[in-house]
Amino acid sequence: MNKLFATVTAPRLATATALNRVFVRDLVMDASIGVYDHEKVAPQRIRLNLDLEVVGSGVTGEDGVKAIRAVAGDGHIMLVETLAERIAARCLQDARVRRVIVRVEKLDVFPDAASVGVEIERSRG
């Protein structure tokens, strides 16, 4: 019976759509971000987390880091929400990415809080 089960099940699994979750955890970097004058003078530390729901294979965490660095390094951004939206849009340009969750945190805003920020979730229509 086990032999029959393995023979019948294996082809079905092979034809199923493979869904992978690719992630980047706690990437800390400096970015030019913020609406206040003092935030426009010098970069500040941010922490980013990225979760990608990917159909098939080929998308890696390294791809996620490259997308984050490219967007964050593309000039001053006023809001963490804008940075998160741009990272999500960049990731969704890859047709294999079905859903993305982006978390952006400013690390040095309040001395009594570890961080402040935003988390967004976007998916393909």
N, C-alpha and C. Protein backbone atom coordinates (compact mmCIF):
# COMPACT_ATOMS: atom_id res chain seq x y z
N MET A 1 0.81 -1.19 0.00
CA MET A 1 0.00 0.00 0.00
C MET A 1 0.86 1.25 0.00
N ASN A 2 1.93 1.27 0.74
CA ASN A 2 2.81 2.42 0.75
C ASN A 2 3.42 2.67 -0.63
N LYS A 3 3.75 1.62 -1.32
CA LYS A 3 4.32 1.78 -2.65
C LYS A 3 3.30 2.42 -3.59
N LEU A 4 2.07 2.01 -3.53
CA LEU A 4 1.02 2.59 -4.36
C LEU A 4 0.81 4.06 -4.01
N PHE A 5 0.77 4.38 -2.72
CA PHE A 5 0.58 5.76 -2.28
C PHE A 5 1.70 6.65 -2.81
N ALA A 6 2.93 6.21 -2.69
CA ALA A 6 4.07 7.00 -3.17
C ALA A 6 4.00 7.19 -4.68
N THR A 7 3.61 6.18 -5.40
CA THR A 7 3.53 6.27 -6.85
C THR A 7 2.44 7.24 -7.29
N VAL A 8 1.31 7.20 -6.64
CA VAL A 8 0.19 8.06 -7.01
C VAL A 8 0.43 9.50 -6.57
N THR A 9 0.99 9.70 -5.38
CA THR A 9 1.13 11.04 -4.81
C THR A 9 2.26 11.83 -5.46
N ALA A 10 3.36 11.22 -5.77
CA ALA A 10 4.52 11.95 -6.28
C ALA A 10 4.22 12.77 -7.53
N PRO A 11 3.55 12.22 -8.55
CA PRO A 11 3.25 13.04 -9.72
C PRO A 11 2.36 14.24 -9.41
N ARG A 12 1.40 14.08 -8.52
CA ARG A 12 0.53 15.20 -8.16
C ARG A 12 1.34 16.31 -7.51
N LEU A 13 2.23 15.96 -6.63
CA LEU A 13 3.06 16.97 -5.97
C LEU A 13 3.97 17.66 -6.96
N ALA A 14 4.47 16.93 -7.92
CA ALA A 14 5.38 17.51 -8.90
C ALA A 14 4.67 18.55 -9.77
N THR A 15 3.37 18.38 -10.01
CA THR A 15 2.66 19.33 -10.86
C THR A 15 2.06 20.50 -10.08
N ALA A 16 2.06 20.42 -8.74
CA ALA A 16 1.53 21.51 -7.93
C ALA A 16 2.43 22.73 -8.05
N THR A 17 1.84 23.91 -7.89
CA THR A 17 2.61 25.14 -7.93
C THR A 17 3.43 25.26 -6.66
N ALA A 18 4.72 25.42 -6.81
CA ALA A 18 5.61 25.56 -5.67
C ALA A 18 5.52 26.99 -5.14
N LEU A 19 5.29 27.13 -3.85
CA LEU A 19 5.20 28.43 -3.21
C LEU A 19 6.31 28.52 -2.18
N ASN A 20 7.14 29.53 -2.29
CA ASN A 20 8.26 29.71 -1.37
C ASN A 20 8.12 31.04 -0.65
N ARG A 21 8.65 31.08 0.54
CA ARG A 21 8.70 32.33 1.29
C ARG A 21 10.17 32.71 1.44
N VAL A 22 10.49 33.85 0.89
CA VAL A 22 11.86 34.37 0.94
C VAL A 22 11.81 35.57 1.88
N PHE A 23 12.81 35.68 2.76
CA PHE A 23 12.76 36.79 3.71
C PHE A 23 14.13 37.39 3.96
N VAL A 24 14.09 38.63 4.43
CA VAL A 24 15.26 39.36 4.92
C VAL A 24 14.89 39.82 6.32
N ARG A 25 15.72 39.55 7.29
CA ARG A 25 15.43 39.91 8.67
C ARG A 25 16.46 40.92 9.20
N ASP A 26 15.94 41.98 9.77
CA ASP A 26 16.71 42.94 10.57
C ASP A 26 17.92 43.51 9.83
N LEU A 27 17.70 43.94 8.60
CA LEU A 27 18.75 44.63 7.84
C LEU A 27 18.84 46.06 8.37
N VAL A 28 19.94 46.40 8.99
CA VAL A 28 20.15 47.73 9.54
C VAL A 28 21.08 48.50 8.61
N MET A 29 20.63 49.71 8.26
CA MET A 29 21.42 50.55 7.37
C MET A 29 21.09 52.01 7.63
N ASP A 30 21.91 52.89 7.09
CA ASP A 30 21.65 54.32 7.17
C ASP A 30 20.87 54.74 5.94
N ALA A 31 19.91 55.66 6.14
CA ALA A 31 19.13 56.17 5.03
C ALA A 31 18.80 57.63 5.27
N SER A 32 18.69 58.36 4.20
CA SER A 32 18.25 59.75 4.27
C SER A 32 16.73 59.75 4.22
N ILE A 33 16.12 59.92 5.39
CA ILE A 33 14.68 59.79 5.51
C ILE A 33 14.15 60.70 6.60
N GLY A 34 13.04 61.33 6.34
CA GLY A 34 12.38 62.14 7.37
C GLY A 34 11.90 63.48 6.85
N VAL A 35 10.91 64.04 7.56
CA VAL A 35 10.31 65.30 7.15
C VAL A 35 10.90 66.51 7.87
N TYR A 36 11.53 66.28 9.00
CA TYR A 36 12.08 67.39 9.79
C TYR A 36 13.44 67.82 9.26
N ASP A 37 13.76 69.10 9.48
CA ASP A 37 15.03 69.64 8.98
C ASP A 37 16.23 68.85 9.48
N HIS A 38 16.24 68.48 10.77
CA HIS A 38 17.38 67.75 11.31
C HIS A 38 17.52 66.36 10.68
N GLU A 39 16.43 65.82 10.13
CA GLU A 39 16.49 64.51 9.47
C GLU A 39 17.03 64.61 8.05
N LYS A 40 16.99 65.81 7.50
CA LYS A 40 17.46 66.02 6.12
C LYS A 40 18.96 66.30 6.07
N VAL A 41 19.56 66.56 7.22
CA VAL A 41 20.98 66.91 7.29
C VAL A 41 21.87 65.67 7.25
N ALA A 42 21.46 64.63 7.96
CA ALA A 42 22.31 63.44 8.06
C ALA A 42 21.44 62.19 7.99
N PRO A 43 21.99 61.13 7.42
CA PRO A 43 21.25 59.86 7.39
C PRO A 43 20.98 59.35 8.80
N GLN A 44 19.96 58.53 8.94
CA GLN A 44 19.67 57.92 10.22
C GLN A 44 19.52 56.41 10.07
N ARG A 45 19.68 55.73 11.20
CA ARG A 45 19.61 54.27 11.17
C ARG A 45 18.17 53.81 11.02
N ILE A 46 18.00 52.85 10.12
CA ILE A 46 16.71 52.19 9.95
C ILE A 46 16.92 50.68 9.94
N ARG A 47 15.87 49.97 10.30
CA ARG A 47 15.89 48.51 10.22
C ARG A 47 14.77 48.09 9.28
N LEU A 48 15.09 47.16 8.38
CA LEU A 48 14.10 46.70 7.40
C LEU A 48 13.93 45.19 7.49
N ASN A 49 12.68 44.79 7.32
CA ASN A 49 12.33 43.37 7.22
C ASN A 49 11.47 43.21 5.98
N LEU A 50 11.69 42.11 5.29
CA LEU A 50 11.02 41.86 4.02
C LEU A 50 10.59 40.41 3.96
N ASP A 51 9.34 40.18 3.60
CA ASP A 51 8.82 38.83 3.37
C ASP A 51 8.24 38.79 1.97
N LEU A 52 8.69 37.83 1.19
CA LEU A 52 8.20 37.67 -0.17
C LEU A 52 7.54 36.31 -0.31
N GLU A 53 6.35 36.29 -0.88
CA GLU A 53 5.69 35.03 -1.23
C GLU A 53 5.95 34.85 -2.72
N VAL A 54 6.68 33.79 -3.06
CA VAL A 54 7.20 33.62 -4.41
C VAL A 54 6.70 32.31 -5.01
N VAL A 55 6.25 32.37 -6.25
CA VAL A 55 5.87 31.18 -6.98
C VAL A 55 7.11 30.67 -7.70
N GLY A 56 7.42 29.41 -7.47
CA GLY A 56 8.60 28.83 -8.10
C GLY A 56 9.87 29.17 -7.35
N SER A 57 10.96 29.11 -8.05
CA SER A 57 12.26 29.35 -7.42
C SER A 57 13.01 30.43 -8.18
N GLY A 58 14.15 30.79 -7.65
CA GLY A 58 15.02 31.74 -8.32
C GLY A 58 15.12 33.09 -7.63
N VAL A 59 14.11 33.46 -6.84
CA VAL A 59 14.18 34.71 -6.08
C VAL A 59 14.84 34.39 -4.74
N THR A 60 15.84 35.20 -4.36
CA THR A 60 16.60 34.93 -3.15
C THR A 60 16.55 36.11 -2.18
N GLY A 61 16.99 35.87 -0.97
CA GLY A 61 17.12 36.94 0.00
C GLY A 61 18.08 38.02 -0.48
N GLU A 62 19.09 37.60 -1.21
CA GLU A 62 20.03 38.57 -1.78
C GLU A 62 19.32 39.53 -2.74
N ASP A 63 18.38 39.02 -3.51
CA ASP A 63 17.58 39.88 -4.39
C ASP A 63 16.81 40.90 -3.57
N GLY A 64 16.27 40.46 -2.44
CA GLY A 64 15.54 41.37 -1.56
C GLY A 64 16.42 42.45 -1.00
N VAL A 65 17.62 42.09 -0.55
CA VAL A 65 18.57 43.08 -0.02
C VAL A 65 18.96 44.08 -1.10
N LYS A 66 19.20 43.60 -2.30
CA LYS A 66 19.55 44.50 -3.40
C LYS A 66 18.42 45.49 -3.69
N ALA A 67 17.18 45.02 -3.67
CA ALA A 67 16.03 45.90 -3.90
C ALA A 67 15.93 46.96 -2.81
N ILE A 68 16.08 46.55 -1.57
CA ILE A 68 16.03 47.49 -0.45
C ILE A 68 17.11 48.54 -0.59
N ARG A 69 18.33 48.11 -0.81
CA ARG A 69 19.45 49.06 -0.91
C ARG A 69 19.29 50.02 -2.09
N ALA A 70 18.80 49.52 -3.19
CA ALA A 70 18.60 50.37 -4.38
C ALA A 70 17.58 51.46 -4.09
N VAL A 71 16.46 51.09 -3.50
CA VAL A 71 15.40 52.06 -3.22
C VAL A 71 15.84 53.04 -2.12
N ALA A 72 16.41 52.51 -1.04
CA ALA A 72 16.82 53.38 0.07
C ALA A 72 17.96 54.31 -0.32
N GLY A 73 18.76 53.91 -1.28
CA GLY A 73 19.89 54.73 -1.70
C GLY A 73 19.58 55.69 -2.83
N ASP A 74 18.32 55.80 -3.18
CA ASP A 74 17.93 56.62 -4.34
C ASP A 74 17.49 58.03 -3.93
N GLY A 75 18.19 58.63 -2.98
CA GLY A 75 17.88 60.00 -2.57
C GLY A 75 17.01 60.06 -1.34
N HIS A 76 16.81 61.28 -0.86
CA HIS A 76 16.04 61.51 0.37
C HIS A 76 14.58 61.11 0.18
N ILE A 77 14.05 60.45 1.19
CA ILE A 77 12.65 60.04 1.21
C ILE A 77 12.02 60.66 2.46
N MET A 78 10.87 61.26 2.29
CA MET A 78 10.23 61.97 3.40
C MET A 78 9.65 61.03 4.46
N LEU A 79 8.95 59.97 4.04
CA LEU A 79 8.20 59.14 4.97
C LEU A 79 8.64 57.68 4.92
N VAL A 80 8.59 57.00 6.08
CA VAL A 80 8.87 55.56 6.09
C VAL A 80 7.82 54.82 5.26
N GLU A 81 6.59 55.34 5.23
CA GLU A 81 5.54 54.74 4.42
C GLU A 81 5.90 54.76 2.93
N THR A 82 6.49 55.86 2.49
CA THR A 82 6.91 55.97 1.09
C THR A 82 8.01 54.98 0.78
N LEU A 83 8.98 54.87 1.68
CA LEU A 83 10.06 53.91 1.48
C LEU A 83 9.51 52.49 1.39
N ALA A 84 8.61 52.14 2.29
CA ALA A 84 8.01 50.80 2.27
C ALA A 84 7.25 50.57 0.97
N GLU A 85 6.47 51.53 0.52
CA GLU A 85 5.71 51.40 -0.73
C GLU A 85 6.64 51.19 -1.93
N ARG A 86 7.73 51.95 -1.97
CA ARG A 86 8.66 51.83 -3.09
C ARG A 86 9.37 50.47 -3.10
N ILE A 87 9.73 49.98 -1.93
CA ILE A 87 10.35 48.66 -1.85
C ILE A 87 9.36 47.59 -2.29
N ALA A 88 8.12 47.68 -1.82
CA ALA A 88 7.10 46.71 -2.22
C ALA A 88 6.88 46.73 -3.72
N ALA A 89 6.78 47.92 -4.30
CA ALA A 89 6.56 48.04 -5.75
C ALA A 89 7.72 47.45 -6.52
N ARG A 90 8.93 47.69 -6.05
CA ARG A 90 10.11 47.14 -6.72
C ARG A 90 10.10 45.61 -6.69
N CYS A 91 9.75 45.05 -5.56
CA CYS A 91 9.70 43.59 -5.44
C CYS A 91 8.62 42.99 -6.33
N LEU A 92 7.47 43.65 -6.42
CA LEU A 92 6.36 43.14 -7.22
C LEU A 92 6.60 43.29 -8.72
N GLN A 93 7.66 43.97 -9.12
CA GLN A 93 8.02 44.03 -10.54
C GLN A 93 8.42 42.65 -11.05
N ASP A 94 8.89 41.80 -10.16
CA ASP A 94 9.23 40.42 -10.52
C ASP A 94 7.93 39.61 -10.52
N ALA A 95 7.56 39.06 -11.65
CA ALA A 95 6.29 38.35 -11.81
C ALA A 95 6.17 37.14 -10.88
N ARG A 96 7.28 36.62 -10.39
CA ARG A 96 7.23 35.47 -9.49
C ARG A 96 6.79 35.85 -8.08
N VAL A 97 6.92 37.13 -7.74
CA VAL A 97 6.55 37.60 -6.40
C VAL A 97 5.05 37.87 -6.38
N ARG A 98 4.33 37.15 -5.54
CA ARG A 98 2.87 37.28 -5.44
C ARG A 98 2.45 38.25 -4.34
N ARG A 99 3.22 38.24 -3.24
CA ARG A 99 2.86 39.07 -2.09
C ARG A 99 4.12 39.51 -1.39
N VAL A 100 4.09 40.71 -0.84
CA VAL A 100 5.26 41.24 -0.13
C VAL A 100 4.80 41.94 1.14
N ILE A 101 5.56 41.74 2.19
CA ILE A 101 5.37 42.47 3.44
C ILE A 101 6.67 43.21 3.70
N VAL A 102 6.57 44.51 3.90
CA VAL A 102 7.75 45.35 4.16
C VAL A 102 7.56 46.05 5.49
N ARG A 103 8.55 45.96 6.35
CA ARG A 103 8.56 46.69 7.62
C ARG A 103 9.77 47.62 7.62
N VAL A 104 9.53 48.90 7.87
CA VAL A 104 10.59 49.90 7.97
C VAL A 104 10.50 50.54 9.35
N GLU A 105 11.62 50.54 10.05
CA GLU A 105 11.65 51.10 11.40
C GLU A 105 12.79 52.11 11.52
N LYS A 106 12.51 53.27 12.10
CA LYS A 106 13.54 54.22 12.50
C LYS A 106 13.98 53.81 13.90
N LEU A 107 15.30 53.72 14.08
CA LEU A 107 15.80 53.15 15.33
C LEU A 107 16.15 54.17 16.41
N ASP A 108 16.36 55.41 16.05
CA ASP A 108 16.88 56.37 17.02
C ASP A 108 15.98 57.58 17.23
N VAL A 109 14.67 57.39 17.09
CA VAL A 109 13.74 58.51 17.21
C VAL A 109 13.48 58.85 18.67
N PHE A 110 13.16 57.85 19.49
CA PHE A 110 12.86 58.07 20.90
C PHE A 110 13.81 57.23 21.76
N PRO A 111 14.40 57.84 22.79
CA PRO A 111 15.34 57.07 23.63
C PRO A 111 14.67 55.94 24.40
N ASP A 112 13.36 56.02 24.62
CA ASP A 112 12.68 55.00 25.40
C ASP A 112 11.87 54.02 24.54
N ALA A 113 12.09 54.03 23.23
CA ALA A 113 11.44 53.07 22.32
C ALA A 113 12.50 52.46 21.41
N ALA A 114 12.42 51.17 21.22
CA ALA A 114 13.40 50.49 20.35
C ALA A 114 13.28 50.98 18.91
N SER A 115 12.05 51.28 18.47
CA SER A 115 11.87 51.75 17.09
C SER A 115 10.46 52.29 16.90
N VAL A 116 10.30 53.04 15.82
CA VAL A 116 8.99 53.45 15.33
C VAL A 116 8.99 53.22 13.84
N GLY A 117 7.84 52.88 13.29
CA GLY A 117 7.85 52.62 11.86
C GLY A 117 6.51 52.18 11.33
N VAL A 118 6.58 51.46 10.22
CA VAL A 118 5.39 51.03 9.52
C VAL A 118 5.62 49.64 8.93
N GLU A 119 4.54 48.88 8.80
CA GLU A 119 4.58 47.61 8.10
C GLU A 119 3.42 47.61 7.11
N ILE A 120 3.73 47.27 5.85
CA ILE A 120 2.70 47.21 4.82
C ILE A 120 2.70 45.84 4.17
N GLU A 121 1.59 45.48 3.61
CA GLU A 121 1.45 44.24 2.85
C GLU A 121 0.81 44.59 1.53
N ARG A 122 1.45 44.15 0.45
CA ARG A 122 0.93 44.39 -0.89
C ARG A 122 0.97 43.09 -1.67
N SER A 123 0.02 42.92 -2.58
CA SER A 123 -0.01 41.71 -3.39
C SER A 123 -0.38 42.03 -4.81
N ARG A 124 -0.11 41.08 -5.64
CA ARG A 124 -0.43 41.20 -7.06
C ARG A 124 -1.94 41.14 -7.22
N GLY A 125 -2.50 42.06 -8.00
CA GLY A 125 -3.95 42.18 -8.23
C GLY A 125 -4.62 40.90 -8.41
